[in-house]
Every structure is written in structure tokens, then in C-alpha cells.
Amino acid sequence: MSALFILIGISLIIAMGFLVAFLLSVKNGQFDDDYTPSVRILFEDNDLPKKENKSKNK
């Protein structure tokens, strides 16, 4: 019976660790862009718009 309490305690500690890791990743902006990865697979590298250098156009 005491092994059950030890396992429950260890699982709660691990769950709290995952919760802290998740909250830190949300705070650091890990999950901000949720649209681009789903659309990126539809484009090939040559289909993406290229950034123009304005100094070359002058």
C-alpha cells in the first residue's frame, strides 16, 4: 500500500513538472504562430514571396 502512495506522489511531481514546462513555453511565445506551419507544406520554396532590397531599386 505504501508503494501506491509513493507512485502517486512521484506522478504528481512529474505532472507538475510538465505543467511548469508548458506554462513557461506559453509565456515565451512558443505557441504564438499556429497558422503558418499548417500552410507552409502547401508552398514550395520558389513559390514563397522574396524580400526585395529597396536599396537595389534606387
N, C-alpha and C. Protein backbone atom coordinates (compact mmCIF):
# COMPACT_ATOMS: atom_id res chain seq x y z
N MET A 1 0.82 -1.20 0.00
CA MET A 1 0.00 0.00 0.00
C MET A 1 0.86 1.26 0.00
N SER A 2 2.00 1.19 0.68
CA SER A 2 2.86 2.37 0.73
C SER A 2 3.50 2.64 -0.64
N ALA A 3 3.68 1.58 -1.44
CA ALA A 3 4.23 1.77 -2.78
C ALA A 3 3.26 2.57 -3.65
N LEU A 4 1.97 2.38 -3.43
CA LEU A 4 0.96 3.13 -4.17
C LEU A 4 1.05 4.62 -3.87
N PHE A 5 1.24 4.96 -2.60
CA PHE A 5 1.37 6.37 -2.22
C PHE A 5 2.64 6.98 -2.80
N ILE A 6 3.69 6.22 -2.85
CA ILE A 6 4.95 6.70 -3.42
C ILE A 6 4.78 6.95 -4.92
N LEU A 7 4.13 6.02 -5.63
CA LEU A 7 3.91 6.19 -7.06
C LEU A 7 2.99 7.36 -7.37
N ILE A 8 1.97 7.57 -6.57
CA ILE A 8 1.07 8.71 -6.76
C ILE A 8 1.83 10.01 -6.53
N GLY A 9 2.66 10.05 -5.51
CA GLY A 9 3.46 11.25 -5.25
C GLY A 9 4.43 11.55 -6.37
N ILE A 10 5.10 10.52 -6.88
CA ILE A 10 6.04 10.72 -7.98
C ILE A 10 5.30 11.18 -9.24
N SER A 11 4.13 10.60 -9.51
CA SER A 11 3.38 11.00 -10.70
C SER A 11 2.89 12.44 -10.59
N LEU A 12 2.53 12.87 -9.40
CA LEU A 12 2.12 14.27 -9.21
C LEU A 12 3.29 15.22 -9.42
N ILE A 13 4.47 14.85 -8.97
CA ILE A 13 5.66 15.68 -9.17
C ILE A 13 5.98 15.79 -10.66
N ILE A 14 5.90 14.68 -11.38
CA ILE A 14 6.16 14.69 -12.82
C ILE A 14 5.11 15.53 -13.55
N ALA A 15 3.85 15.40 -13.16
CA ALA A 15 2.78 16.18 -13.78
C ALA A 15 2.98 17.67 -13.54
N MET A 16 3.41 18.03 -12.35
CA MET A 16 3.68 19.45 -12.06
C MET A 16 4.85 19.95 -12.90
N GLY A 17 5.84 19.11 -13.12
CA GLY A 17 6.97 19.49 -13.97
C GLY A 17 6.53 19.76 -15.40
N PHE A 18 5.67 18.91 -15.94
CA PHE A 18 5.14 19.15 -17.28
C PHE A 18 4.28 20.40 -17.34
N LEU A 19 3.52 20.66 -16.30
CA LEU A 19 2.70 21.87 -16.25
C LEU A 19 3.57 23.11 -16.25
N VAL A 20 4.63 23.10 -15.46
CA VAL A 20 5.55 24.24 -15.41
C VAL A 20 6.23 24.43 -16.76
N ALA A 21 6.65 23.35 -17.40
CA ALA A 21 7.28 23.45 -18.72
C ALA A 21 6.30 24.01 -19.75
N PHE A 22 5.07 23.58 -19.70
CA PHE A 22 4.06 24.09 -20.62
C PHE A 22 3.81 25.58 -20.39
N LEU A 23 3.65 25.98 -19.15
CA LEU A 23 3.39 27.39 -18.85
C LEU A 23 4.57 28.28 -19.26
N LEU A 24 5.79 27.79 -19.06
CA LEU A 24 6.95 28.57 -19.49
C LEU A 24 7.01 28.70 -21.00
N SER A 25 6.67 27.64 -21.72
CA SER A 25 6.70 27.72 -23.18
C SER A 25 5.61 28.65 -23.70
N VAL A 26 4.46 28.68 -23.06
CA VAL A 26 3.40 29.61 -23.47
C VAL A 26 3.83 31.04 -23.17
N LYS A 27 4.45 31.25 -22.04
CA LYS A 27 4.91 32.59 -21.66
C LYS A 27 5.98 33.10 -22.62
N ASN A 28 6.84 32.21 -23.12
CA ASN A 28 7.91 32.61 -24.03
C ASN A 28 7.46 32.70 -25.48
N GLY A 29 6.19 32.44 -25.76
CA GLY A 29 5.67 32.60 -27.11
C GLY A 29 5.88 31.42 -28.02
N GLN A 30 6.04 30.24 -27.48
CA GLN A 30 6.27 29.06 -28.29
C GLN A 30 5.08 28.73 -29.19
N PHE A 31 3.87 29.05 -28.76
CA PHE A 31 2.67 28.65 -29.48
C PHE A 31 1.95 29.82 -30.12
N ASP A 32 2.65 30.92 -30.40
CA ASP A 32 2.01 32.10 -30.96
C ASP A 32 1.56 31.91 -32.41
N ASP A 33 2.39 31.34 -33.24
CA ASP A 33 2.09 31.21 -34.65
C ASP A 33 1.52 29.82 -34.92
N ASP A 34 0.21 29.74 -35.05
CA ASP A 34 -0.39 28.44 -35.29
C ASP A 34 -0.94 28.30 -36.70
N TYR A 35 -0.81 29.33 -37.53
CA TYR A 35 -1.32 29.27 -38.89
C TYR A 35 -0.25 28.89 -39.91
N THR A 36 0.92 29.48 -39.79
CA THR A 36 1.97 29.30 -40.79
C THR A 36 2.42 27.84 -40.95
N PRO A 37 2.66 27.09 -39.90
CA PRO A 37 3.10 25.71 -40.10
C PRO A 37 2.09 24.85 -40.87
N SER A 38 0.81 25.11 -40.70
CA SER A 38 -0.18 24.30 -41.40
C SER A 38 -0.26 24.65 -42.88
N VAL A 39 0.15 25.85 -43.26
CA VAL A 39 0.08 26.28 -44.65
C VAL A 39 1.42 26.12 -45.35
N ARG A 40 2.49 26.06 -44.62
CA ARG A 40 3.83 26.01 -45.19
C ARG A 40 4.03 24.81 -46.11
N ILE A 41 3.38 23.70 -45.80
CA ILE A 41 3.55 22.50 -46.61
C ILE A 41 2.95 22.67 -48.01
N LEU A 42 2.03 23.61 -48.18
CA LEU A 42 1.38 23.81 -49.47
C LEU A 42 2.25 24.57 -50.46
N PHE A 43 3.28 25.26 -50.00
CA PHE A 43 4.12 26.07 -50.85
C PHE A 43 5.48 25.41 -51.06
N GLU A 44 6.02 25.60 -52.23
CA GLU A 44 7.39 25.18 -52.46
C GLU A 44 8.28 26.38 -52.21
N ASP A 45 9.56 26.15 -52.13
CA ASP A 45 10.48 27.25 -51.81
C ASP A 45 10.44 28.36 -52.85
N ASN A 46 10.26 28.03 -54.11
CA ASN A 46 10.26 29.07 -55.13
C ASN A 46 8.92 29.78 -55.23
N ASP A 47 7.88 29.29 -54.57
CA ASP A 47 6.57 29.95 -54.58
C ASP A 47 6.45 31.03 -53.51
N LEU A 48 7.32 31.01 -52.53
CA LEU A 48 7.24 31.99 -51.46
C LEU A 48 7.69 33.35 -51.96
N PRO A 49 7.03 34.41 -51.53
CA PRO A 49 7.46 35.75 -51.96
C PRO A 49 8.84 36.08 -51.39
N LYS A 50 9.66 36.69 -52.22
CA LYS A 50 11.01 37.04 -51.79
C LYS A 50 11.04 38.47 -51.29
N LYS A 51 11.86 38.71 -50.30
CA LYS A 51 12.01 40.07 -49.78
C LYS A 51 12.83 40.88 -50.76
N GLU A 52 12.35 42.06 -51.08
CA GLU A 52 13.07 42.93 -52.00
C GLU A 52 13.93 43.89 -51.23
N ASN A 53 15.11 44.10 -51.72
CA ASN A 53 16.02 45.05 -51.12
C ASN A 53 15.77 46.41 -51.75
N LYS A 54 15.30 47.38 -50.98
CA LYS A 54 14.93 48.67 -51.53
C LYS A 54 16.15 49.47 -52.01
N SER A 55 17.31 49.17 -51.50
CA SER A 55 18.50 49.91 -51.91
C SER A 55 18.91 49.56 -53.34
N LYS A 56 18.58 48.36 -53.82
CA LYS A 56 18.91 47.97 -55.18
C LYS A 56 17.98 48.64 -56.19
N ASN A 57 16.76 48.97 -55.78
CA ASN A 57 15.81 49.57 -56.69
C ASN A 57 16.09 51.04 -56.99
N LYS A 58 16.90 51.68 -56.22
CA LYS A 58 17.16 53.12 -56.40
C LYS A 58 18.25 53.37 -57.37
